[in-house]
Amino acid sequence: MYRRTVLAMVAGALVLTACTGTGGTSKGAEAKAPDDPSKVAGTIKVLTQRTDLVQDGTMKKYAAEFNKTYPKVKVEFEALTNYEAEVKIRMNTTNYGDVLLIPAVIKKNDYPKFFASLGTQAERGKKYRFTDFTTVGGKVYGQSPIGVTPGFVYNKKVWQQAGVTKWPTTPAEFLADLKAIKSRTDAVPYYTNFAAQWPLTSWTSVDGSVNCDTRATTKLADGDPWAKGTDLRVGDTLLYDIVHQGLIEKDPATTNWELSKPQLAKGKIATQWLGTWAIIQFQDAAKKAGVSTDDIGFMPFPAQVGGKFCAVVGPDYNQAVNVHSRHKEAARAWIDWFTDKSGYDKDNLAISPLKAAPLPAVLKPYEDAGVKFIEVNDAKGAQVKEIDDQSEVGIYKPDYRQDLVDLARGARKGSLDDFLADLGRKWTEAQKTLGS
């Protein structure tokens, strides 16, 4: 099943042998935009993690619309359940589709070895968001068809039953609201999705939102992410407090991601920290359960700067053209069409990558509340991945937050301060080793 967050894209601690294997090339290549759609031809294979959309025929419908503009291009889809792991292996060869989602394990500086350039950042940046996430040497190597922002998916009715009608503005208020939910309703105040593991990684996406800082990624590269007042320390402390104060499910080890969607829709669960990508899944669960989709709400992290909430907007998976593709023009045509004209962003209630496009209706409450949307500069994103890898902290992996949850619920010994201090020590030592 499809599941994404802003930061599920990243898994820097993994190592891709293809970086030194047969798959890459040091020559680089261009995938130029076609001038005449009627002359573009060839069969292209598009790799995707959206197994659901391939199985239900949605991707075929997109291809049929695409063919109205590009009649000589045949689009074939291959959906991969464990996308990252499977593509990582394929990229030791030259056969990894014509269009693919850039795996998180690829080091940014290696993009030119595996993907064809889509053009310069100076040019693409005028039209599209997120170009810096895939820019190497001034050229862009991938484009996300949607943007996402993190937040709490919550059941409005449950929060209202608990007497909460306004979004909390501080972690302390948020905890007080969860306590009210526990005492006044039958719902689980917060659901960790501990067993599924990957949802825990979404807590890293608080970075940037807490202090409304576009330099959040740069600060990860240059300093201690768990120093006093930092975004990650604030986020991890809130997660710890939620668990430590008994505001979660009875047994985190038995949580179930798929079941959590109808349970939240029906009011058995009150809140989960995920992202805009999840809203449509919870709305679909509400429809199947016969309850109102209007009960599904979305709120920002409980922190304000200058009296305003902040929400970081970032890319989902970026589509790229295989540098070895024999039909680069057709592959580029698909990426451009899918990004600009497919309606994929609207179908998923997502943020458009087009700078001129309005925000989706699902974020109208954010607009009404004056939430400030920011994009974090990713210039040091590759460096952060290297530090994360070297330190073995794993800010984009679930392990350390599973340890944090276990610490909070008494399943392991220690204090929160010592736990976060140890993470900071490992991180800063890795910075020194890498010369950061």
Protein backbone atom coordinates (compact mmCIF):
# COMPACT_ATOMS: atom_id res chain seq x y z
CA MET A 1 0.00 0.00 0.00
CA TYR A 2 1.17 3.48 -0.77
CA ARG A 3 2.59 5.34 2.18
CA ARG A 4 4.71 8.47 2.03
CA THR A 5 5.88 11.32 4.15
CA VAL A 6 8.10 14.25 3.45
CA LEU A 7 11.02 12.38 4.91
CA ALA A 8 10.31 8.82 3.95
CA MET A 9 12.27 9.75 0.88
CA VAL A 10 15.53 9.59 2.76
CA ALA A 11 17.43 6.56 4.03
CA GLY A 12 20.97 7.81 4.09
CA ALA A 13 22.36 5.03 6.24
CA LEU A 14 21.96 2.54 3.40
CA VAL A 15 24.78 1.94 0.97
CA LEU A 16 24.25 1.54 -2.76
CA THR A 17 26.90 -0.64 -4.37
CA ALA A 18 25.84 0.67 -7.77
CA CYS A 19 27.70 3.88 -7.00
CA THR A 20 30.84 2.00 -7.84
CA GLY A 21 29.25 -0.77 -9.88
CA THR A 22 28.22 -1.19 -13.48
CA GLY A 23 25.02 0.81 -13.37
CA GLY A 24 26.36 4.34 -13.29
CA THR A 25 28.19 6.39 -15.88
CA SER A 26 30.46 9.37 -15.39
CA LYS A 27 29.59 10.87 -18.78
CA GLY A 28 26.18 12.27 -17.93
CA ALA A 29 23.39 12.89 -20.40
CA GLU A 30 20.54 15.26 -21.21
CA ALA A 31 16.87 14.35 -21.48
CA LYS A 32 15.63 17.24 -23.56
CA ALA A 33 12.01 18.29 -23.72
CA PRO A 34 10.45 17.32 -27.07
CA ASP A 35 9.57 20.05 -29.55
CA ASP A 36 6.92 18.09 -31.46
CA PRO A 37 4.79 15.58 -29.46
CA SER A 38 3.66 13.84 -32.65
CA LYS A 39 7.24 12.78 -33.42
CA VAL A 40 8.11 11.37 -30.01
CA ALA A 41 8.06 7.57 -30.12
CA GLY A 42 9.14 4.49 -28.21
CA THR A 43 8.13 2.21 -25.36
CA ILE A 44 9.07 3.37 -21.90
CA LYS A 45 8.89 1.53 -18.60
CA VAL A 46 7.89 3.60 -15.58
CA LEU A 47 8.84 2.20 -12.18
CA THR A 48 6.56 3.20 -9.31
CA GLN A 49 5.89 2.48 -5.65
CA ARG A 50 2.17 3.06 -6.21
CA THR A 51 1.14 -0.58 -6.33
CA ASP A 52 -2.41 0.46 -5.50
CA LEU A 53 -2.76 2.73 -8.54
CA VAL A 54 -1.30 0.13 -10.89
CA GLN A 55 -3.56 -2.61 -9.56
CA ASP A 56 -6.76 -0.56 -9.77
CA GLY A 57 -6.00 0.71 -13.29
CA THR A 58 -5.48 4.36 -12.37
CA MET A 59 -2.01 4.51 -13.89
CA LYS A 60 -3.37 3.10 -17.16
CA LYS A 61 -5.89 5.92 -17.21
CA TYR A 62 -3.10 8.44 -16.83
CA ALA A 63 -1.25 6.77 -19.70
CA ALA A 64 -4.35 6.92 -21.90
CA GLU A 65 -4.59 10.68 -21.30
CA PHE A 66 -0.88 11.04 -21.98
CA ASN A 67 -1.31 9.25 -25.31
CA LYS A 68 -3.76 11.90 -26.47
CA THR A 69 -0.75 14.23 -26.64
CA TYR A 70 1.96 11.64 -27.30
CA PRO A 71 0.24 8.95 -29.43
CA LYS A 72 3.46 7.17 -30.44
CA VAL A 73 4.74 6.54 -26.93
CA LYS A 74 3.74 3.32 -25.18
CA VAL A 75 3.89 3.53 -21.40
CA GLU A 76 4.36 0.40 -19.34
CA PHE A 77 4.25 0.41 -15.54
CA GLU A 78 5.99 -1.77 -13.02
CA ALA A 79 4.93 -1.37 -9.40
CA LEU A 80 7.37 -2.48 -6.73
CA THR A 81 6.14 -3.30 -3.23
CA ASN A 82 9.53 -2.80 -1.59
CA TYR A 83 10.61 -0.05 -3.95
CA GLU A 84 13.85 1.10 -2.33
CA ALA A 85 15.30 -2.37 -1.82
CA GLU A 86 14.41 -3.67 -5.28
CA VAL A 87 15.55 -0.63 -7.25
CA LYS A 88 18.80 -0.48 -5.30
CA ILE A 89 19.69 -3.92 -6.64
CA ARG A 90 18.65 -3.10 -10.22
CA MET A 91 20.83 -0.03 -10.30
CA ASN A 92 23.91 -2.24 -10.30
CA THR A 93 22.95 -2.77 -13.96
CA THR A 94 21.76 -0.39 -16.67
CA ASN A 95 18.25 -1.86 -16.63
CA TYR A 96 16.29 0.16 -14.09
CA GLY A 97 13.42 1.42 -16.17
CA ASP A 98 13.22 4.53 -18.35
CA VAL A 99 11.48 6.62 -15.69
CA LEU A 100 11.98 5.89 -12.01
CA LEU A 101 11.66 7.46 -8.60
CA ILE A 102 15.07 8.48 -7.31
CA PRO A 103 15.89 6.04 -4.48
CA ALA A 104 16.90 7.63 -1.20
CA VAL A 105 20.07 5.53 -1.12
CA ILE A 106 21.60 7.39 -4.07
CA LYS A 107 24.08 10.02 -2.99
CA LYS A 108 23.13 13.37 -4.44
CA ASN A 109 26.50 13.96 -6.06
CA ASP A 110 26.07 10.67 -7.92
CA TYR A 111 22.83 11.70 -9.64
CA PRO A 112 24.60 12.51 -12.96
CA LYS A 113 25.92 8.93 -13.06
CA PHE A 114 22.45 7.44 -13.00
CA PHE A 115 20.02 10.04 -14.31
CA ALA A 116 19.76 12.34 -17.31
CA SER A 117 19.56 16.07 -16.71
CA LEU A 118 16.18 17.76 -17.09
CA GLY A 119 17.76 21.18 -17.57
CA THR A 120 19.32 23.92 -15.48
CA GLN A 121 18.07 24.93 -12.06
CA ALA A 122 18.15 28.56 -13.15
CA GLU A 123 15.51 27.80 -15.77
CA ARG A 124 13.42 25.10 -14.05
CA GLY A 125 13.40 26.99 -10.78
CA LYS A 126 11.29 29.71 -12.36
CA LYS A 127 8.39 27.29 -12.85
CA TYR A 128 8.83 24.46 -10.36
CA ARG A 129 9.23 24.04 -6.63
CA PHE A 130 11.83 21.73 -5.03
CA THR A 131 14.45 21.93 -7.82
CA ASP A 132 17.32 22.31 -5.33
CA PHE A 133 16.60 18.83 -3.94
CA THR A 134 17.91 17.22 -7.15
CA THR A 135 20.35 19.83 -8.43
CA VAL A 136 23.98 18.89 -8.98
CA GLY A 137 26.38 21.29 -10.67
CA GLY A 138 23.57 23.63 -11.59
CA LYS A 139 21.54 20.93 -13.38
CA VAL A 140 18.31 19.31 -12.20
CA TYR A 141 18.04 15.53 -12.26
CA GLY A 142 14.56 14.86 -10.89
CA GLN A 143 11.13 16.38 -10.43
CA SER A 144 8.51 15.52 -7.83
CA PRO A 145 4.91 15.51 -9.14
CA ILE A 146 3.59 16.56 -5.74
CA GLY A 147 4.59 18.48 -2.66
CA VAL A 148 3.75 17.42 0.89
CA THR A 149 3.76 19.02 4.31
CA PRO A 150 3.82 17.25 7.69
CA GLY A 151 1.11 17.55 10.28
CA PHE A 152 -1.27 15.75 12.61
CA VAL A 153 -4.13 13.86 10.98
CA TYR A 154 -6.89 13.94 13.59
CA ASN A 155 -10.55 13.18 14.16
CA LYS A 156 -12.28 16.54 14.58
CA LYS A 157 -15.32 15.06 16.32
CA VAL A 158 -13.19 13.39 18.99
CA TRP A 159 -11.22 16.56 19.70
CA GLN A 160 -14.47 18.53 19.93
CA GLN A 161 -15.98 15.94 22.29
CA ALA A 162 -12.95 16.51 24.49
CA GLY A 163 -13.74 20.21 24.54
CA VAL A 164 -10.88 21.24 22.27
CA THR A 165 -11.93 23.62 19.51
CA LYS A 166 -8.66 25.38 18.70
CA TRP A 167 -5.32 24.02 17.54
CA PRO A 168 -2.78 23.86 20.36
CA THR A 169 0.04 26.40 19.95
CA THR A 170 2.64 24.79 22.22
CA PRO A 171 3.72 21.23 23.07
CA ALA A 172 2.34 21.75 26.58
CA GLU A 173 -1.09 22.67 25.19
CA PHE A 174 -0.98 19.68 22.87
CA LEU A 175 -0.30 17.34 25.79
CA ALA A 176 -3.12 18.93 27.79
CA ASP A 177 -5.47 18.36 24.86
CA LEU A 178 -4.49 14.70 24.58
CA LYS A 179 -5.14 14.31 28.32
CA ALA A 180 -8.60 15.80 27.82
CA ILE A 181 -9.24 13.30 25.03
CA LYS A 182 -8.18 10.46 27.30
CA SER A 183 -10.40 11.55 30.17
CA ARG A 184 -13.48 12.65 28.21
CA THR A 185 -13.65 10.19 25.30
CA ASP A 186 -13.04 6.50 24.58
CA ALA A 187 -10.48 7.24 21.86
CA VAL A 188 -6.75 6.53 21.97
CA PRO A 189 -5.36 10.10 22.16
CA TYR A 190 -2.28 9.40 20.03
CA TYR A 191 -1.39 6.38 17.92
CA THR A 192 2.35 5.69 17.46
CA ASN A 193 2.20 3.10 14.66
CA PHE A 194 5.26 1.68 16.41
CA ALA A 195 4.99 -1.77 14.83
CA ALA A 196 4.89 -0.43 11.27
CA GLN A 197 8.10 1.45 12.10
CA TRP A 198 8.19 3.80 9.08
CA PRO A 199 5.59 6.28 10.49
CA LEU A 200 8.01 7.08 13.30
CA THR A 201 10.46 8.52 10.79
CA SER A 202 7.95 11.27 10.03
CA TRP A 203 8.91 12.94 13.31
CA THR A 204 12.10 14.17 11.64
CA SER A 205 9.89 16.33 9.45
CA VAL A 206 9.22 18.65 12.37
CA ASP A 207 12.60 20.08 11.38
CA GLY A 208 12.00 23.58 10.06
CA SER A 209 8.45 23.90 11.34
CA VAL A 210 9.19 24.48 15.03
CA ASN A 211 11.38 27.54 14.56
CA CYS A 212 10.07 28.42 11.08
CA ASP A 213 13.60 28.11 9.74
CA THR A 214 14.43 27.72 6.05
CA ARG A 215 18.02 26.91 7.09
CA ALA A 216 16.97 23.90 9.14
CA THR A 217 18.84 21.41 6.96
CA THR A 218 21.98 23.57 6.99
CA LYS A 219 21.84 23.60 10.79
CA LEU A 220 21.67 19.81 10.83
CA ALA A 221 24.89 19.76 8.84
CA ASP A 222 26.66 22.36 10.95
CA GLY A 223 25.51 21.77 14.52
CA ASP A 224 23.96 19.43 17.11
CA PRO A 225 20.36 18.61 16.06
CA TRP A 226 19.43 17.92 19.72
CA ALA A 227 20.88 21.05 21.31
CA LYS A 228 18.51 23.03 23.54
CA GLY A 229 15.67 24.64 21.56
CA THR A 230 16.38 22.84 18.28
CA ASP A 231 13.52 21.56 16.18
CA LEU A 232 14.37 17.88 16.55
CA ARG A 233 14.82 18.17 20.32
CA VAL A 234 11.41 19.84 20.61
CA GLY A 235 9.79 17.18 18.42
CA ASP A 236 11.46 14.22 20.10
CA THR A 237 10.67 15.61 23.54
CA LEU A 238 6.99 15.89 22.61
CA LEU A 239 6.92 12.31 21.35
CA TYR A 240 8.62 11.15 24.54
CA ASP A 241 6.15 13.05 26.71
CA ILE A 242 3.14 11.69 24.81
CA VAL A 243 4.30 8.14 25.42
CA HIS A 244 5.64 8.71 28.96
CA GLN A 245 2.34 10.24 30.08
CA GLY A 246 0.38 7.23 28.83
CA LEU A 247 -1.43 8.98 26.00
CA ILE A 248 -0.92 6.22 23.43
CA GLU A 249 -2.26 2.74 22.64
CA LYS A 250 -1.88 0.04 25.31
CA ASP A 251 0.75 -1.99 23.44
CA PRO A 252 2.81 -0.24 20.73
CA ALA A 253 4.13 -3.58 19.50
CA THR A 254 0.64 -4.56 18.29
CA THR A 255 -0.17 -1.42 16.28
CA ASN A 256 -1.39 -1.84 12.71
CA TRP A 257 -1.02 0.89 10.07
CA GLU A 258 -3.84 -0.28 7.78
CA LEU A 259 -6.28 -0.76 10.64
CA SER A 260 -5.38 2.62 12.10
CA LYS A 261 -7.01 4.42 9.18
CA PRO A 262 -10.60 3.20 9.72
CA GLN A 263 -10.08 3.40 13.49
CA LEU A 264 -9.19 7.09 13.29
CA ALA A 265 -12.01 7.71 10.83
CA LYS A 266 -14.50 6.14 13.26
CA GLY A 267 -13.12 7.99 16.26
CA LYS A 268 -11.37 5.12 18.00
CA ILE A 269 -8.06 6.92 17.48
CA ALA A 270 -7.80 10.69 17.85
CA THR A 271 -4.44 11.69 16.36
CA GLN A 272 -1.42 10.62 14.28
CA TRP A 273 1.62 12.60 13.11
CA LEU A 274 1.96 11.95 9.36
CA GLY A 275 1.58 14.34 6.42
CA THR A 276 -0.77 15.70 3.77
CA TRP A 277 -0.18 12.60 1.68
CA ALA A 278 -2.14 10.58 4.24
CA ILE A 279 -5.31 12.68 4.25
CA ILE A 280 -6.90 11.07 1.21
CA GLN A 281 -6.22 7.60 2.63
CA PHE A 282 -8.02 8.47 5.86
CA GLN A 283 -10.88 10.05 3.91
CA ASP A 284 -11.20 6.89 1.84
CA ALA A 285 -11.25 4.88 5.07
CA ALA A 286 -14.03 7.13 6.36
CA LYS A 287 -16.11 6.53 3.22
CA LYS A 288 -15.69 2.77 3.52
CA ALA A 289 -16.63 2.94 7.19
CA GLY A 290 -19.75 4.95 6.40
CA VAL A 291 -18.69 8.00 8.39
CA SER A 292 -18.21 11.59 7.27
CA THR A 293 -14.95 12.57 5.60
CA ASP A 294 -15.47 15.97 7.21
CA ASP A 295 -14.37 14.41 10.48
CA ILE A 296 -10.83 14.04 9.13
CA GLY A 297 -8.78 17.07 10.11
CA PHE A 298 -5.18 18.16 9.70
CA MET A 299 -3.26 20.42 12.06
CA PRO A 300 0.28 21.83 12.18
CA PHE A 301 2.93 21.09 14.78
CA PRO A 302 2.10 22.92 18.04
CA ALA A 303 4.65 25.71 17.84
CA GLN A 304 4.41 29.30 16.67
CA VAL A 305 6.85 32.01 15.66
CA GLY A 306 5.53 35.55 15.78
CA GLY A 307 2.07 34.24 16.55
CA LYS A 308 1.92 32.04 13.43
CA PHE A 309 2.24 28.33 12.77
CA CYS A 310 4.81 27.24 10.22
CA ALA A 311 4.65 24.28 7.85
CA VAL A 312 7.51 22.98 5.74
CA VAL A 313 6.62 22.09 2.15
CA GLY A 314 8.87 19.53 0.51
CA PRO A 315 8.91 17.08 -2.40
CA ASP A 316 7.61 13.57 -2.48
CA TYR A 317 9.63 11.06 -4.53
CA ASN A 318 11.32 12.71 -7.53
CA GLN A 319 10.85 11.17 -10.97
CA ALA A 320 13.98 10.87 -13.08
CA VAL A 321 15.11 9.62 -16.49
CA ASN A 322 17.49 6.66 -16.54
CA VAL A 323 20.77 7.89 -18.03
CA HIS A 324 20.91 4.65 -20.06
CA SER A 325 17.39 4.92 -21.48
CA ARG A 326 17.14 4.55 -25.27
CA HIS A 327 14.03 6.74 -25.26
CA LYS A 328 15.07 9.72 -23.17
CA GLU A 329 12.85 12.13 -25.09
CA ALA A 330 9.77 9.98 -24.46
CA ALA A 331 10.75 9.52 -20.82
CA ARG A 332 11.17 13.28 -20.41
CA ALA A 333 7.80 13.82 -22.06
CA TRP A 334 6.16 11.56 -19.48
CA ILE A 335 7.76 13.39 -16.54
CA ASP A 336 6.77 16.81 -17.87
CA TRP A 337 3.21 15.73 -18.65
CA PHE A 338 2.74 13.87 -15.38
CA THR A 339 4.00 16.86 -13.41
CA ASP A 340 2.15 19.58 -15.34
CA LYS A 341 -1.05 18.08 -16.71
CA SER A 342 -1.95 14.70 -15.24
CA GLY A 343 -3.86 16.06 -12.25
CA TYR A 344 -2.01 13.63 -10.00
CA ASP A 345 -1.54 16.37 -7.42
CA LYS A 346 -5.26 17.12 -7.31
CA ASP A 347 -6.18 13.44 -7.23
CA ASN A 348 -4.04 13.05 -4.12
CA LEU A 349 -5.10 16.33 -2.47
CA ALA A 350 -1.45 17.29 -2.68
CA ILE A 351 0.49 20.49 -3.16
CA SER A 352 1.32 21.20 -6.78
CA PRO A 353 5.01 21.45 -7.74
CA LEU A 354 4.03 24.35 -10.01
CA LYS A 355 4.81 27.62 -8.27
CA ALA A 356 1.82 29.35 -9.86
CA ALA A 357 -0.70 26.76 -8.67
CA PRO A 358 -2.98 27.41 -5.67
CA LEU A 359 -2.85 25.29 -2.53
CA PRO A 360 -5.22 22.30 -2.46
CA ALA A 361 -8.62 22.81 -0.84
CA VAL A 362 -7.69 20.39 1.93
CA LEU A 363 -5.24 23.02 3.22
CA LYS A 364 -7.80 25.82 3.32
CA PRO A 365 -7.90 25.59 7.13
CA TYR A 366 -4.15 26.31 7.07
CA GLU A 367 -4.69 29.33 4.86
CA ASP A 368 -7.56 30.56 7.02
CA ALA A 369 -5.38 30.23 10.12
CA GLY A 370 -2.53 32.11 8.45
CA VAL A 371 -0.12 29.17 8.56
CA LYS A 372 3.16 30.19 6.97
CA PHE A 373 4.47 27.74 4.35
CA ILE A 374 8.23 27.55 3.93
CA GLU A 375 10.64 25.53 1.81
CA VAL A 376 13.82 24.42 3.49
CA ASN A 377 17.05 25.01 1.57
CA ASP A 378 18.46 21.61 0.68
CA ALA A 379 21.93 22.77 -0.36
CA LYS A 380 23.48 20.68 2.43
CA GLY A 381 21.02 17.80 2.17
CA ALA A 382 23.65 15.44 0.79
CA GLN A 383 26.02 16.38 3.60
CA VAL A 384 23.35 15.64 6.20
CA LYS A 385 22.84 12.18 4.72
CA GLU A 386 26.58 11.50 4.94
CA ILE A 387 26.70 12.61 8.57
CA ASP A 388 23.65 10.47 9.36
CA ASP A 389 25.30 7.50 7.69
CA GLN A 390 28.63 8.01 9.44
CA SER A 391 27.04 8.58 12.85
CA GLU A 392 24.67 5.62 12.53
CA VAL A 393 22.00 7.75 14.24
CA GLY A 394 19.44 7.22 11.50
CA ILE A 395 17.25 10.32 11.61
CA TYR A 396 15.45 9.02 8.53
CA LYS A 397 15.11 5.47 9.88
CA PRO A 398 12.70 4.24 12.57
CA ASP A 399 15.20 2.65 14.94
CA TYR A 400 16.14 5.56 17.15
CA ARG A 401 12.56 6.66 17.67
CA GLN A 402 11.54 3.12 18.48
CA ASP A 403 14.26 3.30 21.12
CA LEU A 404 12.84 6.66 22.22
CA VAL A 405 9.34 5.20 22.57
CA ASP A 406 10.72 2.21 24.49
CA LEU A 407 12.58 4.60 26.79
CA ALA A 408 9.43 6.65 27.38
CA ARG A 409 7.28 3.62 28.20
CA GLY A 410 9.89 2.06 30.48
CA ALA A 411 10.93 -0.78 28.19
CA ARG A 412 14.55 0.42 28.35
CA LYS A 413 16.51 2.26 31.01
CA GLY A 414 17.84 5.80 30.91
CA SER A 415 16.80 9.44 30.83
CA LEU A 416 15.62 11.52 27.90
CA ASP A 417 18.43 14.04 28.38
CA ASP A 418 21.08 11.32 28.27
CA PHE A 419 19.42 9.70 25.27
CA LEU A 420 19.37 12.92 23.24
CA ALA A 421 22.87 13.87 24.41
CA ASP A 422 24.17 10.55 23.10
CA LEU A 423 22.55 11.19 19.71
CA GLY A 424 24.15 14.63 19.62
CA ARG A 425 27.56 13.22 20.52
CA LYS A 426 27.45 10.63 17.75
CA TRP A 427 26.29 13.27 15.26
CA THR A 428 28.93 15.87 16.06
CA GLU A 429 31.70 13.28 16.10
CA ALA A 430 30.66 12.22 12.62
CA GLN A 431 30.77 15.88 11.54
CA LYS A 432 34.38 16.09 12.72
CA THR A 433 35.30 12.84 10.99
CA LEU A 434 33.85 14.10 7.71
CA GLY A 435 35.36 17.54 8.16
CA SER A 436 31.98 19.26 8.39
